[in-house]
Amino acid sequence: MDNTLSDLQFSHIGLYVADLPRMARFYKQALRFTQTDAGDLGAVQLVFLSRDPREHHQLVLATGRPADLGFNVVNQISFRVPDIGTLRRFHDRLLEEGAHDMLAVTHGNAVSVYCRDPEGNRLELFMDTPWYCEQPLREPVDLSQPDEVILSRAEAIAKRFPRFMSRAQWQADVARRMEEDQRG
């Protein structure tokens, strides 16, 4: 495979925040980020957070969010989890830490929990399913049901779409298309 596919990798995101201590506490407590650094850069205060010891930061919070911001330009920040049990644990932790607008859904290719952080940024925590189907797709799921029921529902929903296939088959197709795009 051509190495150009891995020569650009997503690393981190930075958010302007209004209440730096509150937002840092939320991400550290609700999502178990570790603070790796903090300090001032001129008039801007920064907090660096990570869940990966190979990454100095995956999320940086910076003071300076305008008080009169009429629209949040962050559509969502998404985090992958390995399984439904982990998704449930974070769902409960997010509720305990004051996340709001909580919604559990399936996209067919994933089972997700959406919510808002204390300043209204939309978060998605998701686990991949072993199949692919066309997007966008969003249907509610009940996280209180057993894992098998949730996954069975997600698969049944995904199978309604004509391009349903295994995740491995979809990934191979996308890898081929990406190589073609790199050759231009």
N, C-alpha and C. Protein backbone atom coordinates (compact mmCIF):
# COMPACT_ATOMS: atom_id res chain seq x y z
N MET A 1 0.83 -1.18 0.00
CA MET A 1 0.00 0.00 0.00
C MET A 1 0.88 1.25 0.00
N ASP A 2 0.43 2.25 -0.68
CA ASP A 2 1.13 3.53 -0.78
C ASP A 2 1.19 4.21 0.59
N ASN A 3 2.38 4.67 1.00
CA ASN A 3 2.54 5.33 2.30
C ASN A 3 1.88 6.69 2.38
N THR A 4 1.46 7.26 1.25
CA THR A 4 0.82 8.58 1.31
C THR A 4 -0.50 8.52 2.07
N LEU A 5 -1.08 7.34 2.21
CA LEU A 5 -2.33 7.24 2.98
C LEU A 5 -2.11 7.52 4.46
N SER A 6 -0.90 7.28 4.96
CA SER A 6 -0.65 7.50 6.38
C SER A 6 0.24 8.70 6.66
N ASP A 7 0.55 9.52 5.64
CA ASP A 7 1.43 10.64 5.89
C ASP A 7 0.70 11.86 6.45
N LEU A 8 -0.61 11.79 6.58
CA LEU A 8 -1.38 12.84 7.21
C LEU A 8 -2.35 12.17 8.17
N GLN A 9 -2.15 12.36 9.47
CA GLN A 9 -2.99 11.74 10.48
C GLN A 9 -3.57 12.81 11.39
N PHE A 10 -4.83 12.64 11.75
CA PHE A 10 -5.44 13.57 12.68
C PHE A 10 -4.79 13.39 14.05
N SER A 11 -4.52 14.50 14.74
CA SER A 11 -3.84 14.44 16.02
C SER A 11 -4.68 14.99 17.16
N HIS A 12 -5.16 16.24 17.04
CA HIS A 12 -5.85 16.85 18.17
C HIS A 12 -6.76 17.97 17.71
N ILE A 13 -7.58 18.45 18.64
CA ILE A 13 -8.49 19.55 18.38
C ILE A 13 -8.37 20.54 19.53
N GLY A 14 -8.56 21.80 19.23
CA GLY A 14 -8.57 22.85 20.25
C GLY A 14 -9.91 23.54 20.27
N LEU A 15 -10.39 23.83 21.46
CA LEU A 15 -11.67 24.52 21.64
C LEU A 15 -11.47 25.78 22.45
N TYR A 16 -12.07 26.86 22.00
CA TYR A 16 -12.17 28.05 22.84
C TYR A 16 -13.29 27.81 23.85
N VAL A 17 -13.04 28.16 25.10
CA VAL A 17 -14.02 27.94 26.16
C VAL A 17 -14.23 29.23 26.95
N ALA A 18 -15.37 29.32 27.60
CA ALA A 18 -15.68 30.47 28.45
C ALA A 18 -15.21 30.25 29.87
N ASP A 19 -15.39 29.02 30.37
CA ASP A 19 -15.05 28.70 31.76
C ASP A 19 -14.02 27.56 31.74
N LEU A 20 -12.76 27.91 31.70
CA LEU A 20 -11.68 26.93 31.57
C LEU A 20 -11.67 25.90 32.69
N PRO A 21 -11.73 26.29 33.98
CA PRO A 21 -11.71 25.28 35.04
C PRO A 21 -12.88 24.30 34.95
N ARG A 22 -14.07 24.80 34.64
CA ARG A 22 -15.26 23.93 34.54
C ARG A 22 -15.12 22.95 33.39
N MET A 23 -14.67 23.44 32.24
CA MET A 23 -14.54 22.56 31.08
C MET A 23 -13.43 21.54 31.28
N ALA A 24 -12.30 21.94 31.85
CA ALA A 24 -11.22 20.99 32.12
C ALA A 24 -11.69 19.91 33.09
N ARG A 25 -12.38 20.31 34.13
CA ARG A 25 -12.91 19.35 35.11
C ARG A 25 -13.87 18.37 34.43
N PHE A 26 -14.76 18.86 33.56
CA PHE A 26 -15.72 18.00 32.86
C PHE A 26 -14.98 16.93 32.05
N TYR A 27 -14.03 17.34 31.21
CA TYR A 27 -13.34 16.37 30.36
C TYR A 27 -12.47 15.42 31.17
N LYS A 28 -11.91 15.88 32.27
CA LYS A 28 -11.11 15.00 33.12
C LYS A 28 -11.99 14.01 33.88
N GLN A 29 -13.13 14.45 34.37
CA GLN A 29 -13.97 13.57 35.17
C GLN A 29 -14.91 12.72 34.31
N ALA A 30 -15.58 13.33 33.36
CA ALA A 30 -16.56 12.59 32.57
C ALA A 30 -15.91 11.65 31.57
N LEU A 31 -14.85 12.10 30.90
CA LEU A 31 -14.23 11.28 29.86
C LEU A 31 -12.84 10.78 30.23
N ARG A 32 -12.40 11.06 31.46
CA ARG A 32 -11.16 10.54 32.01
C ARG A 32 -9.92 10.95 31.24
N PHE A 33 -9.93 12.18 30.71
CA PHE A 33 -8.71 12.74 30.14
C PHE A 33 -7.74 13.06 31.27
N THR A 34 -6.46 13.04 30.96
CA THR A 34 -5.41 13.43 31.89
C THR A 34 -4.86 14.77 31.43
N GLN A 35 -4.70 15.67 32.38
CA GLN A 35 -4.09 16.96 32.06
C GLN A 35 -2.59 16.76 31.94
N THR A 36 -2.05 17.08 30.77
CA THR A 36 -0.62 16.88 30.51
C THR A 36 0.18 18.16 30.67
N ASP A 37 -0.47 19.31 30.55
CA ASP A 37 0.18 20.61 30.68
C ASP A 37 -0.89 21.67 30.84
N ALA A 38 -0.46 22.84 31.28
CA ALA A 38 -1.32 24.02 31.36
C ALA A 38 -0.43 25.23 31.43
N GLY A 39 -0.93 26.35 30.96
CA GLY A 39 -0.14 27.57 31.04
C GLY A 39 -0.74 28.68 30.23
N ASP A 40 -0.04 29.78 30.21
CA ASP A 40 -0.50 30.97 29.51
C ASP A 40 0.33 31.18 28.25
N LEU A 41 -0.34 31.59 27.22
CA LEU A 41 0.31 31.99 25.98
C LEU A 41 -0.19 33.40 25.70
N GLY A 42 0.55 34.37 26.21
CA GLY A 42 0.05 35.74 26.19
C GLY A 42 -1.15 35.84 27.11
N ALA A 43 -2.24 36.36 26.59
CA ALA A 43 -3.45 36.52 27.40
C ALA A 43 -4.31 35.26 27.43
N VAL A 44 -3.96 34.26 26.64
CA VAL A 44 -4.76 33.03 26.54
C VAL A 44 -4.25 31.99 27.53
N GLN A 45 -5.16 31.44 28.32
CA GLN A 45 -4.83 30.33 29.21
C GLN A 45 -5.17 29.03 28.50
N LEU A 46 -4.28 28.04 28.62
CA LEU A 46 -4.45 26.77 27.92
C LEU A 46 -4.38 25.60 28.90
N VAL A 47 -5.19 24.58 28.64
CA VAL A 47 -5.11 23.31 29.34
C VAL A 47 -5.02 22.23 28.26
N PHE A 48 -3.99 21.38 28.37
CA PHE A 48 -3.75 20.30 27.42
C PHE A 48 -4.20 18.98 28.05
N LEU A 49 -4.98 18.20 27.30
CA LEU A 49 -5.56 16.95 27.81
C LEU A 49 -5.31 15.81 26.84
N SER A 50 -5.08 14.62 27.38
CA SER A 50 -4.87 13.45 26.53
C SER A 50 -5.33 12.18 27.24
N ARG A 51 -5.68 11.19 26.45
CA ARG A 51 -5.96 9.83 26.94
C ARG A 51 -4.97 8.84 26.35
N ASP A 52 -3.97 9.35 25.62
CA ASP A 52 -3.00 8.50 24.95
C ASP A 52 -1.60 8.98 25.34
N PRO A 53 -0.80 8.14 26.00
CA PRO A 53 0.52 8.57 26.43
C PRO A 53 1.46 8.91 25.26
N ARG A 54 1.11 8.53 24.06
CA ARG A 54 1.93 8.88 22.88
C ARG A 54 1.61 10.29 22.39
N GLU A 55 0.50 10.86 22.86
CA GLU A 55 0.06 12.17 22.40
C GLU A 55 0.13 13.17 23.54
N HIS A 56 0.92 14.22 23.38
CA HIS A 56 0.99 15.27 24.40
C HIS A 56 -0.41 15.78 24.70
N HIS A 57 -1.19 16.01 23.66
CA HIS A 57 -2.58 16.40 23.86
C HIS A 57 -3.42 15.94 22.68
N GLN A 58 -4.63 15.56 22.99
CA GLN A 58 -5.63 15.25 21.99
C GLN A 58 -6.70 16.33 21.98
N LEU A 59 -6.77 17.04 23.10
CA LEU A 59 -7.73 18.13 23.25
C LEU A 59 -7.02 19.26 23.98
N VAL A 60 -7.11 20.47 23.44
CA VAL A 60 -6.59 21.63 24.13
C VAL A 60 -7.75 22.61 24.32
N LEU A 61 -7.89 23.07 25.55
CA LEU A 61 -8.92 24.05 25.89
C LEU A 61 -8.24 25.39 26.04
N ALA A 62 -8.81 26.43 25.43
CA ALA A 62 -8.21 27.76 25.44
C ALA A 62 -9.25 28.80 25.82
N THR A 63 -8.88 29.70 26.71
CA THR A 63 -9.79 30.79 27.06
C THR A 63 -9.99 31.67 25.84
N GLY A 64 -11.09 32.40 25.84
CA GLY A 64 -11.32 33.34 24.76
C GLY A 64 -12.59 33.13 23.97
N ARG A 65 -13.42 32.18 24.39
CA ARG A 65 -14.69 31.98 23.68
C ARG A 65 -15.55 33.22 23.89
N PRO A 66 -16.03 33.83 22.81
CA PRO A 66 -16.86 35.02 22.96
C PRO A 66 -18.16 34.72 23.71
N ALA A 67 -18.53 35.62 24.60
CA ALA A 67 -19.74 35.44 25.39
C ALA A 67 -20.99 35.54 24.53
N ASP A 68 -20.93 36.30 23.45
CA ASP A 68 -22.12 36.53 22.63
C ASP A 68 -22.15 35.65 21.38
N LEU A 69 -21.46 34.53 21.43
CA LEU A 69 -21.43 33.62 20.29
C LEU A 69 -22.84 33.08 20.06
N GLY A 70 -23.43 33.40 18.92
CA GLY A 70 -24.80 33.01 18.65
C GLY A 70 -24.95 31.61 18.07
N PHE A 71 -23.84 31.02 17.68
CA PHE A 71 -23.91 29.71 17.03
C PHE A 71 -22.63 28.96 17.34
N ASN A 72 -22.75 27.71 17.74
CA ASN A 72 -21.58 26.89 18.02
C ASN A 72 -21.13 26.23 16.71
N VAL A 73 -19.94 26.57 16.25
CA VAL A 73 -19.46 26.06 14.98
C VAL A 73 -18.93 24.63 15.07
N VAL A 74 -18.80 24.08 16.28
CA VAL A 74 -18.37 22.69 16.43
C VAL A 74 -19.60 21.80 16.22
N ASN A 75 -19.59 21.02 15.14
CA ASN A 75 -20.71 20.11 14.90
C ASN A 75 -20.68 18.98 15.93
N GLN A 76 -19.51 18.34 16.08
CA GLN A 76 -19.37 17.30 17.10
C GLN A 76 -17.91 16.92 17.25
N ILE A 77 -17.61 16.38 18.42
CA ILE A 77 -16.31 15.79 18.72
C ILE A 77 -16.60 14.34 19.05
N SER A 78 -15.98 13.41 18.34
CA SER A 78 -16.32 12.00 18.46
C SER A 78 -15.18 11.20 19.07
N PHE A 79 -15.57 10.23 19.91
CA PHE A 79 -14.63 9.37 20.60
C PHE A 79 -15.07 7.91 20.41
N ARG A 80 -14.14 7.05 20.00
CA ARG A 80 -14.43 5.62 19.81
C ARG A 80 -14.23 4.87 21.11
N VAL A 81 -15.13 3.95 21.40
CA VAL A 81 -14.99 3.03 22.53
C VAL A 81 -15.03 1.60 21.99
N PRO A 82 -14.53 0.63 22.76
CA PRO A 82 -14.41 -0.72 22.20
C PRO A 82 -15.70 -1.56 22.20
N ASP A 83 -16.66 -1.23 23.08
CA ASP A 83 -17.82 -2.11 23.20
C ASP A 83 -19.00 -1.38 23.86
N ILE A 84 -20.15 -2.03 23.87
CA ILE A 84 -21.36 -1.42 24.42
C ILE A 84 -21.23 -1.21 25.93
N GLY A 85 -20.58 -2.12 26.63
CA GLY A 85 -20.40 -1.95 28.08
C GLY A 85 -19.66 -0.66 28.40
N THR A 86 -18.61 -0.38 27.64
CA THR A 86 -17.85 0.87 27.83
C THR A 86 -18.72 2.07 27.46
N LEU A 87 -19.49 1.94 26.41
CA LEU A 87 -20.40 3.01 26.01
C LEU A 87 -21.39 3.32 27.14
N ARG A 88 -21.94 2.28 27.76
CA ARG A 88 -22.87 2.47 28.89
C ARG A 88 -22.18 3.17 30.06
N ARG A 89 -20.96 2.74 30.38
CA ARG A 89 -20.24 3.35 31.51
C ARG A 89 -20.00 4.84 31.28
N PHE A 90 -19.58 5.20 30.07
CA PHE A 90 -19.37 6.62 29.78
C PHE A 90 -20.70 7.38 29.74
N HIS A 91 -21.74 6.74 29.24
CA HIS A 91 -23.07 7.36 29.24
C HIS A 91 -23.45 7.75 30.67
N ASP A 92 -23.29 6.82 31.59
CA ASP A 92 -23.64 7.10 32.99
C ASP A 92 -22.73 8.18 33.59
N ARG A 93 -21.45 8.11 33.30
CA ARG A 93 -20.50 9.10 33.82
C ARG A 93 -20.81 10.49 33.26
N LEU A 94 -21.15 10.55 31.99
CA LEU A 94 -21.50 11.84 31.39
C LEU A 94 -22.73 12.44 32.06
N LEU A 95 -23.73 11.60 32.33
CA LEU A 95 -24.92 12.10 33.02
C LEU A 95 -24.56 12.62 34.42
N GLU A 96 -23.72 11.87 35.13
CA GLU A 96 -23.30 12.29 36.48
C GLU A 96 -22.56 13.62 36.45
N GLU A 97 -21.84 13.90 35.37
CA GLU A 97 -21.02 15.11 35.27
C GLU A 97 -21.76 16.27 34.60
N GLY A 98 -23.06 16.10 34.37
CA GLY A 98 -23.86 17.22 33.90
C GLY A 98 -24.00 17.36 32.39
N ALA A 99 -23.61 16.34 31.63
CA ALA A 99 -23.86 16.40 30.19
C ALA A 99 -25.37 16.44 29.97
N HIS A 100 -25.78 17.10 28.90
CA HIS A 100 -27.21 17.21 28.63
C HIS A 100 -27.51 16.88 27.18
N ASP A 101 -28.80 16.81 26.83
CA ASP A 101 -29.26 16.43 25.50
C ASP A 101 -28.75 15.04 25.11
N MET A 102 -28.83 14.10 26.04
CA MET A 102 -28.33 12.74 25.84
C MET A 102 -29.24 11.97 24.88
N LEU A 103 -28.64 11.30 23.92
CA LEU A 103 -29.38 10.54 22.93
C LEU A 103 -28.55 9.31 22.54
N ALA A 104 -29.14 8.11 22.64
CA ALA A 104 -28.49 6.87 22.21
C ALA A 104 -29.11 6.44 20.89
N VAL A 105 -28.24 6.15 19.90
CA VAL A 105 -28.73 5.82 18.55
C VAL A 105 -27.85 4.75 17.92
N THR A 106 -28.35 4.20 16.82
CA THR A 106 -27.51 3.41 15.93
C THR A 106 -27.45 4.12 14.59
N HIS A 107 -26.28 4.04 13.98
CA HIS A 107 -26.10 4.50 12.60
C HIS A 107 -25.96 3.29 11.68
N GLY A 108 -26.25 2.11 12.21
CA GLY A 108 -26.04 0.89 11.45
C GLY A 108 -24.60 0.45 11.54
N ASN A 109 -23.68 1.33 11.18
CA ASN A 109 -22.26 1.00 11.24
C ASN A 109 -21.64 1.32 12.60
N ALA A 110 -22.45 1.87 13.51
CA ALA A 110 -21.99 2.22 14.85
C ALA A 110 -23.19 2.31 15.79
N VAL A 111 -22.90 2.19 17.07
CA VAL A 111 -23.87 2.51 18.12
C VAL A 111 -23.27 3.69 18.87
N SER A 112 -24.05 4.75 19.03
CA SER A 112 -23.52 6.01 19.53
C SER A 112 -24.35 6.59 20.67
N VAL A 113 -23.67 7.37 21.49
CA VAL A 113 -24.32 8.22 22.47
C VAL A 113 -23.91 9.65 22.14
N TYR A 114 -24.90 10.51 22.00
CA TYR A 114 -24.64 11.94 21.78
C TYR A 114 -25.06 12.71 23.02
N CYS A 115 -24.33 13.79 23.30
CA CYS A 115 -24.69 14.68 24.39
C CYS A 115 -24.00 16.02 24.17
N ARG A 116 -24.22 16.95 25.09
CA ARG A 116 -23.57 18.26 25.04
C ARG A 116 -22.71 18.43 26.28
N ASP A 117 -21.51 19.00 26.10
CA ASP A 117 -20.67 19.32 27.24
C ASP A 117 -21.22 20.58 27.92
N PRO A 118 -20.63 21.04 29.02
CA PRO A 118 -21.19 22.18 29.73
C PRO A 118 -21.33 23.46 28.92
N GLU A 119 -20.57 23.61 27.84
CA GLU A 119 -20.69 24.82 27.03
C GLU A 119 -21.40 24.56 25.70
N GLY A 120 -22.06 23.41 25.59
CA GLY A 120 -22.90 23.15 24.44
C GLY A 120 -22.25 22.47 23.26
N ASN A 121 -20.97 22.10 23.36
CA ASN A 121 -20.32 21.36 22.27
C ASN A 121 -20.90 19.95 22.24
N ARG A 122 -21.27 19.50 21.04
CA ARG A 122 -21.85 18.16 20.93
C ARG A 122 -20.73 17.12 20.92
N LEU A 123 -20.90 16.11 21.76
CA LEU A 123 -19.97 14.99 21.84
C LEU A 123 -20.67 13.74 21.33
N GLU A 124 -19.89 12.87 20.70
CA GLU A 124 -20.37 11.55 20.31
C GLU A 124 -19.38 10.54 20.85
N LEU A 125 -19.89 9.54 21.55
CA LEU A 125 -19.10 8.38 21.93
C LEU A 125 -19.71 7.22 21.16
N PHE A 126 -18.88 6.43 20.49
CA PHE A 126 -19.44 5.39 19.63
C PHE A 126 -18.58 4.14 19.64
N MET A 127 -19.22 3.04 19.29
CA MET A 127 -18.51 1.79 19.03
C MET A 127 -18.88 1.33 17.63
N ASP A 128 -17.88 0.87 16.90
CA ASP A 128 -18.11 0.37 15.55
C ASP A 128 -18.85 -0.95 15.60
N THR A 129 -19.71 -1.18 14.61
CA THR A 129 -20.30 -2.49 14.41
C THR A 129 -19.50 -3.19 13.31
N PRO A 130 -19.71 -4.48 13.10
CA PRO A 130 -18.91 -5.18 12.09
C PRO A 130 -19.41 -5.03 10.65
N TRP A 131 -20.30 -4.08 10.40
CA TRP A 131 -20.84 -3.92 9.06
C TRP A 131 -20.90 -2.45 8.67
N TYR A 132 -21.20 -2.25 7.39
CA TYR A 132 -21.33 -0.91 6.81
C TYR A 132 -22.71 -0.80 6.19
N CYS A 133 -23.25 0.41 6.23
CA CYS A 133 -24.42 0.77 5.43
C CYS A 133 -24.34 2.27 5.15
N GLU A 134 -25.07 2.72 4.14
CA GLU A 134 -25.02 4.13 3.73
C GLU A 134 -25.35 5.06 4.88
N GLN A 135 -24.76 6.23 4.83
CA GLN A 135 -25.00 7.28 5.81
C GLN A 135 -25.53 8.52 5.09
N PRO A 136 -26.26 9.37 5.72
CA PRO A 136 -26.56 9.38 7.15
C PRO A 136 -27.72 8.46 7.50
N LEU A 137 -27.67 7.96 8.70
CA LEU A 137 -28.70 7.09 9.27
C LEU A 137 -28.64 7.28 10.78
N ARG A 138 -29.78 7.47 11.39
CA ARG A 138 -29.81 7.60 12.85
C ARG A 138 -31.17 7.12 13.35
N GLU A 139 -31.14 6.06 14.16
CA GLU A 139 -32.36 5.54 14.78
C GLU A 139 -32.07 5.29 16.25
N PRO A 140 -33.04 5.60 17.12
CA PRO A 140 -32.80 5.45 18.56
C PRO A 140 -32.59 4.00 18.98
N VAL A 141 -31.79 3.82 20.03
CA VAL A 141 -31.63 2.51 20.67
C VAL A 141 -31.77 2.72 22.18
N ASP A 142 -32.07 1.64 22.85
CA ASP A 142 -32.24 1.64 24.30
C ASP A 142 -31.04 0.94 24.92
N LEU A 143 -30.15 1.71 25.55
CA LEU A 143 -28.94 1.14 26.13
C LEU A 143 -29.21 0.24 27.34
N SER A 144 -30.44 0.23 27.85
CA SER A 144 -30.75 -0.66 28.96
C SER A 144 -30.99 -2.09 28.48
N GLN A 145 -31.13 -2.28 27.17
CA GLN A 145 -31.32 -3.62 26.62
C GLN A 145 -29.99 -4.36 26.59
N PRO A 146 -30.03 -5.70 26.55
CA PRO A 146 -28.79 -6.48 26.45
C PRO A 146 -28.02 -6.15 25.18
N ASP A 147 -26.70 -6.33 25.23
CA ASP A 147 -25.83 -6.04 24.10
C ASP A 147 -26.33 -6.71 22.81
N GLU A 148 -26.71 -7.99 22.93
CA GLU A 148 -27.12 -8.75 21.76
C GLU A 148 -28.35 -8.14 21.10
N VAL A 149 -29.27 -7.62 21.90
CA VAL A 149 -30.49 -7.01 21.37
C VAL A 149 -30.14 -5.72 20.63
N ILE A 150 -29.27 -4.92 21.22
CA ILE A 150 -28.86 -3.66 20.59
C ILE A 150 -28.16 -3.94 19.27
N LEU A 151 -27.22 -4.88 19.27
CA LEU A 151 -26.48 -5.19 18.04
C LEU A 151 -27.37 -5.82 16.99
N SER A 152 -28.31 -6.65 17.41
CA SER A 152 -29.25 -7.26 16.47
C SER A 152 -30.11 -6.19 15.80
N ARG A 153 -30.57 -5.22 16.59
CA ARG A 153 -31.37 -4.12 16.05
C ARG A 153 -30.53 -3.29 15.08
N ALA A 154 -29.29 -2.99 15.45
CA ALA A 154 -28.42 -2.21 14.58
C ALA A 154 -28.19 -2.93 13.25
N GLU A 155 -27.97 -4.23 13.32
CA GLU A 155 -27.75 -4.99 12.09
C GLU A 155 -29.01 -5.04 11.23
N ALA A 156 -30.15 -5.24 11.85
CA ALA A 156 -31.41 -5.28 11.09
C ALA A 156 -31.66 -3.95 10.39
N ILE A 157 -31.37 -2.86 11.06
CA ILE A 157 -31.53 -1.53 10.45
C ILE A 157 -30.56 -1.38 9.29
N ALA A 158 -29.31 -1.77 9.50
CA ALA A 158 -28.29 -1.63 8.44
C ALA A 158 -28.64 -2.48 7.23
N LYS A 159 -29.19 -3.65 7.44
CA LYS A 159 -29.51 -4.56 6.34
C LYS A 159 -30.64 -4.04 5.45
N ARG A 160 -31.36 -3.03 5.90
CA ARG A 160 -32.43 -2.45 5.07
C ARG A 160 -31.86 -1.67 3.89
N PHE A 161 -30.58 -1.36 3.91
CA PHE A 161 -29.98 -0.52 2.88
C PHE A 161 -29.30 -1.38 1.83
N PRO A 162 -29.39 -0.95 0.56
CA PRO A 162 -28.89 -1.80 -0.53
C PRO A 162 -27.39 -2.03 -0.53
N ARG A 163 -26.60 -1.13 0.04
CA ARG A 163 -25.15 -1.31 0.02
C ARG A 163 -24.62 -1.92 1.33
N PHE A 164 -25.45 -2.61 2.06
CA PHE A 164 -25.02 -3.30 3.29
C PHE A 164 -23.88 -4.25 2.94
N MET A 165 -22.81 -4.23 3.76
CA MET A 165 -21.68 -5.14 3.57
C MET A 165 -20.88 -5.22 4.87
N SER A 166 -19.92 -6.09 4.92
CA SER A 166 -19.08 -6.18 6.10
C SER A 166 -18.20 -4.93 6.19
N ARG A 167 -17.80 -4.58 7.39
CA ARG A 167 -16.90 -3.45 7.59
C ARG A 167 -15.57 -3.71 6.85
N ALA A 168 -15.08 -4.94 6.89
CA ALA A 168 -13.82 -5.28 6.22
C ALA A 168 -13.92 -5.05 4.71
N GLN A 169 -15.04 -5.44 4.12
CA GLN A 169 -15.24 -5.24 2.69
C GLN A 169 -15.29 -3.74 2.37
N TRP A 170 -16.01 -2.98 3.19
CA TRP A 170 -16.11 -1.53 2.99
C TRP A 170 -14.72 -0.88 3.13
N GLN A 171 -13.94 -1.28 4.16
CA GLN A 171 -12.62 -0.69 4.37
C GLN A 171 -11.69 -0.97 3.19
N ALA A 172 -11.76 -2.17 2.64
CA ALA A 172 -10.93 -2.50 1.49
C ALA A 172 -11.30 -1.63 0.29
N ASP A 173 -12.59 -1.41 0.10
CA ASP A 173 -13.05 -0.56 -1.00
C ASP A 173 -12.58 0.89 -0.80
N VAL A 174 -12.71 1.41 0.41
CA VAL A 174 -12.29 2.79 0.69
C VAL A 174 -10.78 2.92 0.54
N ALA A 175 -10.02 1.94 0.99
CA ALA A 175 -8.56 1.98 0.84
C ALA A 175 -8.17 2.06 -0.63
N ARG A 176 -8.85 1.30 -1.47
CA ARG A 176 -8.59 1.33 -2.91
C ARG A 176 -8.91 2.72 -3.48
N ARG A 177 -10.05 3.28 -3.09
CA ARG A 177 -10.44 4.61 -3.58
C ARG A 177 -9.47 5.68 -3.10
N MET A 178 -8.99 5.57 -1.87
CA MET A 178 -8.03 6.54 -1.34
C MET A 178 -6.71 6.48 -2.11
N GLU A 179 -6.26 5.27 -2.43
CA GLU A 179 -5.04 5.14 -3.23
C GLU A 179 -5.22 5.80 -4.58
N GLU A 180 -6.38 5.60 -5.20
CA GLU A 180 -6.66 6.23 -6.49
C GLU A 180 -6.65 7.76 -6.35
N ASP A 181 -7.25 8.27 -5.28
CA ASP A 181 -7.28 9.72 -5.05
C ASP A 181 -5.87 10.28 -4.86
N GLN A 182 -4.99 9.53 -4.18
CA GLN A 182 -3.63 9.99 -3.95
C GLN A 182 -2.83 10.05 -5.26
N ARG A 183 -3.15 9.14 -6.17
CA ARG A 183 -2.46 9.14 -7.46
C ARG A 183 -2.98 10.27 -8.35
N GLY A 184 -4.21 10.73 -8.02
CA GLY A 184 -4.80 11.89 -8.63
C GLY A 184 -5.13 11.81 -10.05
